Amino acid sequence: MKHEAQVEQLRKIFGYLDAGETAMGDAVYHHHVSDYTSPDQAGREQEVLFRNEPLLIGLSCELPNPGDYVTDDFSGVPILAVRDEAGQVNAFINVCRHRGARVASGCGSGKAVFRCPYHAWTYDRSGRLRSIPFERGFESVDKTSNGLRSLPVVEKYGMIWVMPAPGGSIDIDSHLAGMADDLAAFGLVCYSHYETRVLRARLNWKLVIDTFLETYHLSTLHKNTIAPILHSNLGTFDGMARNLRMIGARKTIDALRQRPESEWDLIRHSALVYVLFPNTVFIMQGDHLET
C-alpha cells in the first residue's frame, strides 16, 4: 500500500478509535442456512465461480527457478503450474492426454519433464508431448496436438493467477480493480516462501471468507491470543469491484499519533485483509503475509 493511502486509512482508524466506532453495513443482512448446506448451490458456485474466474494459486516466490512447479486441486480442476527455461509460468490441466492420470503431484523444483505414472508418456515445461514409450501402435498420435491442455495464466505483482477453463484470457488489473495499486506496492517479488499448510475440514468454503470479514469476534473467540494484540470490533472497509479490503488495528497503532504523518507506517501496526474474488484471503501482517 502506498504511503498516502496508509495515511488516509490511519486517519480513518483514529477517527473510529476516538468515536468508539467501526465500519458498519447499512443494515443487517440475513443469510439462509441453505447458502451453506445446499449441495446444489455448492455445485453451482463451483461451476460459476471456480471455472470462470481467475484463481490465485500461488506467489511468484514459490516458483523462483526454471522447473519449479506447483499443483492445485482445490477448484475441482487439477492444475499444474511450472516455470519454464525462459522464466515464464505456464499452466495446464494436470491430466495426461492418454488415460487421464495426473502427471505431477504436490510441488517441486528443477523438473525438466513430467512423466505420467501410468504409461510414462512424457511432457516438457511447455506442456509439449515429448515421448511415448513403445511408440509402435501410436503412429497416428500427433505429438504436436496432444500436449497438456493449456490454461490461461497471468503472473503479476508477485502473484500467479490461473483460469481453470481452457481458452480465453485474464485481465487481472480489471479483475482487481483499485486493489492492484496496494498489491503492487507490497513488492511481493522480493518475498521468500516460508511454509505451506493444508487444513482439511468439513465446512462450506464461504465460512473461510466470512471469518475475515469482521473483528467483532476477537474479544470472545480469541480472548487470550489475538485480542491482546488487535483492537476488537474495529475495522475499516473498502469495496473494490467484487474485492474488498478490511484493516484491523494493532494496539500499538496509537503510538503513531505522536509522530509526523510522514513517518506513519500502517503496515507495521495493523492486519490488512484483502478478499480477492472469489475465494482468496490475502493478509499482510507487517513482517510477513499469509494467503
Protein backbone atom coordinates (compact mmCIF):
# COMPACT_ATOMS: atom_id res chain seq x y z
CA MET A 1 0.00 0.00 0.00
CA LYS A 2 1.39 3.41 -0.96
CA HIS A 3 2.21 5.82 1.87
CA GLU A 4 -0.51 8.34 1.01
CA ALA A 5 -3.09 5.54 1.16
CA GLN A 6 -1.69 4.43 4.52
CA VAL A 7 -2.12 7.94 5.91
CA GLU A 8 -5.71 8.09 4.64
CA GLN A 9 -6.57 4.79 6.32
CA LEU A 10 -4.82 5.73 9.56
CA ARG A 11 -6.85 8.93 9.80
CA LYS A 12 -9.97 6.82 9.40
CA ILE A 13 -8.83 4.37 12.10
CA PHE A 14 -8.01 7.16 14.56
CA GLY A 15 -11.47 8.60 13.93
CA TYR A 16 -13.06 5.23 14.74
CA LEU A 17 -10.93 4.89 17.89
CA ASP A 18 -11.86 8.34 19.14
CA ALA A 19 -15.56 7.79 18.47
CA GLY A 20 -15.63 4.18 19.69
CA GLU A 21 -16.97 3.10 16.28
CA THR A 22 -16.12 0.84 13.36
CA ALA A 23 -17.07 0.47 9.70
CA MET A 24 -20.68 -0.72 9.50
CA GLY A 25 -23.02 -2.12 6.89
CA ASP A 26 -26.16 -0.20 6.01
CA ALA A 27 -28.41 -2.84 7.58
CA VAL A 28 -28.46 -6.36 8.97
CA TYR A 29 -28.08 -8.93 6.21
CA HIS A 30 -29.86 -12.27 6.57
CA HIS A 31 -28.32 -15.47 5.20
CA HIS A 32 -30.46 -18.53 4.65
CA VAL A 33 -28.85 -21.64 6.10
CA SER A 34 -29.11 -23.33 2.69
CA ASP A 35 -26.41 -20.91 1.44
CA TYR A 36 -24.01 -23.08 3.44
CA THR A 37 -25.63 -26.52 3.32
CA SER A 38 -27.14 -26.93 -0.15
CA PRO A 39 -25.13 -29.35 -2.35
CA ASP A 40 -26.90 -27.94 -5.42
CA GLN A 41 -25.86 -24.39 -4.60
CA ALA A 42 -22.30 -25.51 -3.84
CA GLY A 43 -22.19 -27.21 -7.24
CA ARG A 44 -23.39 -24.06 -8.98
CA GLU A 45 -20.85 -21.95 -7.10
CA GLN A 46 -18.08 -24.30 -8.14
CA GLU A 47 -19.17 -24.20 -11.77
CA VAL A 48 -19.70 -20.43 -11.98
CA LEU A 49 -17.01 -19.10 -9.62
CA PHE A 50 -14.25 -21.72 -9.80
CA ARG A 51 -14.34 -22.31 -13.55
CA ASN A 52 -14.81 -18.83 -14.98
CA GLU A 53 -12.82 -16.58 -12.65
CA PRO A 54 -9.05 -16.19 -12.25
CA LEU A 55 -7.92 -18.00 -9.11
CA LEU A 56 -4.79 -17.15 -7.14
CA ILE A 57 -2.88 -20.44 -6.97
CA GLY A 58 0.41 -19.17 -5.57
CA LEU A 59 3.04 -16.48 -5.27
CA SER A 60 5.95 -15.96 -7.63
CA CYS A 61 8.40 -16.79 -4.84
CA GLU A 62 7.05 -20.35 -4.82
CA LEU A 63 8.41 -20.82 -8.37
CA PRO A 64 11.71 -18.90 -8.37
CA ASN A 65 13.60 -21.04 -10.92
CA PRO A 66 13.01 -22.95 -14.17
CA GLY A 67 11.45 -26.33 -13.47
CA ASP A 68 9.84 -25.22 -10.21
CA TYR A 69 6.19 -26.27 -10.13
CA VAL A 70 3.05 -26.40 -8.01
CA THR A 71 -0.17 -28.36 -8.38
CA ASP A 72 -3.63 -27.33 -7.26
CA ASP A 73 -6.83 -29.38 -7.00
CA PHE A 74 -8.91 -27.08 -4.81
CA SER A 75 -11.09 -25.70 -7.62
CA GLY A 76 -12.14 -29.17 -8.71
CA VAL A 77 -9.92 -28.91 -11.79
CA PRO A 78 -6.41 -30.44 -11.44
CA ILE A 79 -3.94 -27.65 -12.26
CA LEU A 80 -0.20 -27.75 -12.88
CA ALA A 81 1.84 -24.54 -13.00
CA VAL A 82 5.55 -24.61 -13.90
CA ARG A 83 8.20 -22.02 -14.69
CA ASP A 84 9.95 -22.69 -18.00
CA GLU A 85 13.53 -22.02 -19.08
CA ALA A 86 12.55 -18.56 -20.37
CA GLY A 87 11.27 -17.61 -16.91
CA GLN A 88 7.60 -17.71 -17.87
CA VAL A 89 4.97 -19.52 -15.81
CA ASN A 90 2.85 -21.97 -17.81
CA ALA A 91 -0.33 -23.59 -16.54
CA PHE A 92 -2.01 -26.79 -17.67
CA ILE A 93 -4.76 -29.22 -16.78
CA ASN A 94 -2.76 -31.74 -14.77
CA VAL A 95 -4.01 -34.72 -16.79
CA CYS A 96 -2.12 -36.99 -19.19
CA ARG A 97 -3.72 -36.94 -22.65
CA HIS A 98 -3.57 -40.74 -22.86
CA ARG A 99 -5.50 -42.19 -19.90
CA GLY A 100 -6.09 -39.16 -17.70
CA ALA A 101 -3.67 -39.77 -14.83
CA ARG A 102 -2.10 -36.76 -13.10
CA VAL A 103 1.41 -36.12 -14.41
CA ALA A 104 2.54 -34.27 -11.26
CA SER A 105 1.63 -34.08 -7.60
CA GLY A 106 2.48 -31.70 -4.79
CA CYS A 107 5.22 -29.25 -5.64
CA GLY A 108 8.88 -29.45 -6.55
CA SER A 109 11.87 -27.82 -8.17
CA GLY A 110 14.17 -28.29 -11.14
CA LYS A 111 11.77 -30.51 -13.05
CA ALA A 112 12.71 -30.87 -16.72
CA VAL A 113 9.89 -33.20 -17.75
CA PHE A 114 6.66 -34.56 -16.27
CA ARG A 115 6.19 -38.29 -16.70
CA CYS A 116 2.77 -39.92 -16.38
CA PRO A 117 2.94 -42.63 -13.69
CA TYR A 118 0.61 -44.91 -15.69
CA HIS A 119 2.33 -45.38 -19.07
CA ALA A 120 5.25 -42.91 -18.84
CA TRP A 121 4.09 -40.50 -21.53
CA THR A 122 6.37 -37.51 -21.02
CA TYR A 123 5.72 -33.75 -21.27
CA ASP A 124 8.11 -30.82 -21.01
CA ARG A 125 7.78 -27.49 -19.16
CA SER A 126 5.87 -26.04 -22.11
CA GLY A 127 3.38 -28.90 -21.99
CA ARG A 128 4.59 -30.47 -25.23
CA LEU A 129 4.32 -34.24 -25.57
CA ARG A 130 7.93 -35.36 -25.84
CA SER A 131 7.89 -39.14 -25.79
CA ILE A 132 5.60 -42.17 -25.93
CA PRO A 133 7.17 -45.45 -24.77
CA PHE A 134 6.70 -48.39 -27.15
CA GLU A 135 5.56 -45.93 -29.77
CA ARG A 136 4.58 -48.66 -32.21
CA GLY A 137 0.81 -48.64 -32.31
CA PHE A 138 0.66 -44.89 -31.63
CA GLU A 139 1.98 -43.78 -35.02
CA SER A 140 -1.23 -41.84 -35.71
CA VAL A 141 -0.90 -39.78 -32.50
CA ASP A 142 0.22 -36.27 -33.42
CA LYS A 143 2.51 -35.15 -30.60
CA THR A 144 2.20 -31.50 -31.56
CA SER A 145 -1.54 -31.51 -30.88
CA ASN A 146 -1.61 -33.82 -27.87
CA GLY A 147 0.36 -31.89 -25.31
CA LEU A 148 -1.05 -30.96 -21.93
CA ARG A 149 -4.13 -28.72 -22.19
CA SER A 150 -3.05 -25.13 -21.57
CA LEU A 151 -4.87 -22.87 -19.13
CA PRO A 152 -4.86 -19.05 -19.11
CA VAL A 153 -2.27 -17.83 -16.61
CA VAL A 154 -1.02 -14.40 -15.53
CA GLU A 155 1.92 -13.57 -13.27
CA LYS A 156 1.86 -10.03 -11.93
CA TYR A 157 2.63 -8.23 -8.67
CA GLY A 158 4.45 -11.33 -7.46
CA MET A 159 1.25 -13.39 -7.72
CA ILE A 160 0.12 -16.16 -10.08
CA TRP A 161 -3.47 -16.44 -11.30
CA VAL A 162 -4.91 -19.28 -13.38
CA MET A 163 -8.28 -19.67 -15.07
CA PRO A 164 -9.32 -23.32 -14.61
CA ALA A 165 -11.05 -23.46 -18.02
CA PRO A 166 -9.07 -23.63 -21.30
CA GLY A 167 -9.32 -20.75 -23.72
CA GLY A 168 -9.85 -17.08 -23.05
CA SER A 169 -7.54 -14.69 -21.26
CA ILE A 170 -7.12 -12.96 -17.91
CA ASP A 171 -7.30 -9.18 -17.44
CA ILE A 172 -6.05 -9.20 -13.87
CA ASP A 173 -5.96 -5.42 -13.41
CA SER A 174 -9.62 -5.18 -14.35
CA HIS A 175 -10.38 -8.10 -12.03
CA LEU A 176 -8.55 -6.50 -9.10
CA ALA A 177 -9.93 -3.01 -9.77
CA GLY A 178 -8.30 -0.44 -7.42
CA MET A 179 -6.71 -3.18 -5.35
CA ALA A 180 -3.88 -3.57 -7.85
CA ASP A 181 -2.15 -0.43 -6.51
CA ASP A 182 -1.99 -1.87 -2.99
CA LEU A 183 -0.68 -5.24 -4.13
CA ALA A 184 1.96 -3.71 -6.39
CA ALA A 185 3.28 -1.53 -3.56
CA PHE A 186 3.96 -4.56 -1.33
CA GLY A 187 6.80 -5.68 -3.62
CA LEU A 188 5.94 -9.37 -3.33
CA VAL A 189 8.54 -10.34 -5.94
CA CYS A 190 11.16 -9.78 -3.21
CA TYR A 191 9.50 -12.16 -0.74
CA SER A 192 10.53 -15.74 0.04
CA HIS A 193 8.19 -18.66 0.52
CA TYR A 194 8.34 -19.93 4.10
CA GLU A 195 5.65 -22.55 4.59
CA THR A 196 2.51 -24.08 3.11
CA ARG A 197 0.00 -25.86 5.32
CA VAL A 198 -3.12 -27.68 4.11
CA LEU A 199 -6.01 -27.87 6.56
CA ARG A 200 -8.98 -30.03 5.62
CA ALA A 201 -12.34 -29.70 7.34
CA ARG A 202 -15.95 -30.46 6.51
CA LEU A 203 -17.27 -26.95 6.03
CA ASN A 204 -18.60 -24.70 3.31
CA TRP A 205 -15.90 -22.69 1.55
CA LYS A 206 -17.66 -19.38 2.26
CA LEU A 207 -17.16 -19.82 6.01
CA VAL A 208 -13.44 -19.27 5.47
CA ILE A 209 -14.19 -15.94 3.81
CA ASP A 210 -16.73 -14.98 6.50
CA THR A 211 -14.13 -15.38 9.24
CA PHE A 212 -12.12 -12.48 7.82
CA LEU A 213 -15.00 -10.04 7.30
CA GLU A 214 -15.10 -8.61 10.82
CA THR A 215 -13.15 -8.16 14.05
CA TYR A 216 -16.32 -8.43 16.14
CA HIS A 217 -15.37 -11.94 17.30
CA LEU A 218 -11.85 -11.20 18.54
CA SER A 219 -12.63 -10.39 22.18
CA THR A 220 -14.61 -13.62 22.58
CA LEU A 221 -13.15 -16.29 20.30
CA HIS A 222 -9.54 -15.07 20.53
CA LYS A 223 -9.62 -13.68 24.05
CA ASN A 224 -6.17 -14.96 25.02
CA THR A 225 -4.40 -14.89 21.65
CA ILE A 226 -5.28 -12.16 19.13
CA ALA A 227 -7.41 -9.91 21.32
CA PRO A 228 -4.42 -8.67 23.38
CA ILE A 229 -2.76 -7.61 20.10
CA LEU A 230 -5.60 -6.17 17.97
CA HIS A 231 -8.43 -3.79 18.82
CA SER A 232 -11.67 -5.78 18.89
CA ASN A 233 -14.66 -4.68 16.81
CA LEU A 234 -12.64 -2.04 14.99
CA GLY A 235 -12.01 -2.19 11.28
CA THR A 236 -12.14 -0.19 8.07
CA PHE A 237 -13.87 -1.40 4.93
CA ASP A 238 -13.35 -0.54 1.28
CA GLY A 239 -15.04 -2.38 -1.58
CA MET A 240 -13.19 -2.52 -4.90
CA ALA A 241 -15.48 -4.02 -7.53
CA ARG A 242 -16.01 -7.58 -6.27
CA ASN A 243 -12.97 -7.48 -3.96
CA LEU A 244 -12.68 -5.91 -0.55
CA ARG A 245 -10.13 -4.58 1.91
CA MET A 246 -10.59 -4.62 5.67
CA ILE A 247 -7.98 -3.25 8.08
CA GLY A 248 -7.74 -4.30 11.71
CA ALA A 249 -5.71 -2.09 14.04
CA ARG A 250 -2.99 -3.35 16.35
CA LYS A 251 -3.00 -1.77 19.81
CA THR A 252 0.41 -0.28 19.04
CA ILE A 253 -1.19 1.99 16.47
CA ASP A 254 -1.83 4.79 18.98
CA ALA A 255 1.91 5.44 19.19
CA LEU A 256 1.78 6.86 15.66
CA ARG A 257 -0.26 9.84 16.89
CA GLN A 258 2.95 11.23 18.39
CA ARG A 259 4.82 11.08 15.08
CA PRO A 260 4.52 13.25 11.96
CA GLU A 261 2.37 11.79 9.18
CA SER A 262 5.48 11.43 7.00
CA GLU A 263 6.61 8.68 9.42
CA TRP A 264 3.29 6.86 9.73
CA ASP A 265 3.58 3.15 8.95
CA LEU A 266 0.19 1.46 8.80
CA ILE A 267 1.55 -1.93 7.76
CA ARG A 268 3.56 -2.41 10.97
CA HIS A 269 0.59 -1.50 13.16
CA SER A 270 -2.28 -3.36 11.52
CA ALA A 271 -3.53 -6.51 9.85
CA LEU A 272 -4.51 -5.73 6.27
CA VAL A 273 -7.06 -8.22 4.99
CA TYR A 274 -7.84 -8.43 1.28
CA VAL A 275 -10.54 -10.75 -0.06
CA LEU A 276 -9.76 -11.40 -3.72
CA PHE A 277 -12.84 -12.59 -5.55
CA PRO A 278 -13.94 -15.28 -5.45
CA ASN A 279 -12.11 -17.28 -2.78
CA THR A 280 -8.73 -15.90 -1.70
CA VAL A 281 -7.97 -14.20 1.61
CA PHE A 282 -4.69 -12.28 1.46
CA ILE A 283 -3.39 -10.93 4.78
CA MET A 284 -0.45 -8.57 5.25
CA GLN A 285 0.80 -8.98 8.81
CA GLY A 286 3.62 -6.46 9.00
CA ASP A 287 6.63 -8.77 8.87
CA HIS A 288 5.03 -11.48 6.71
CA LEU A 289 1.99 -12.22 4.59
CA GLU A 290 -0.45 -15.09 4.50
CA THR A 291 -2.83 -16.29 1.80
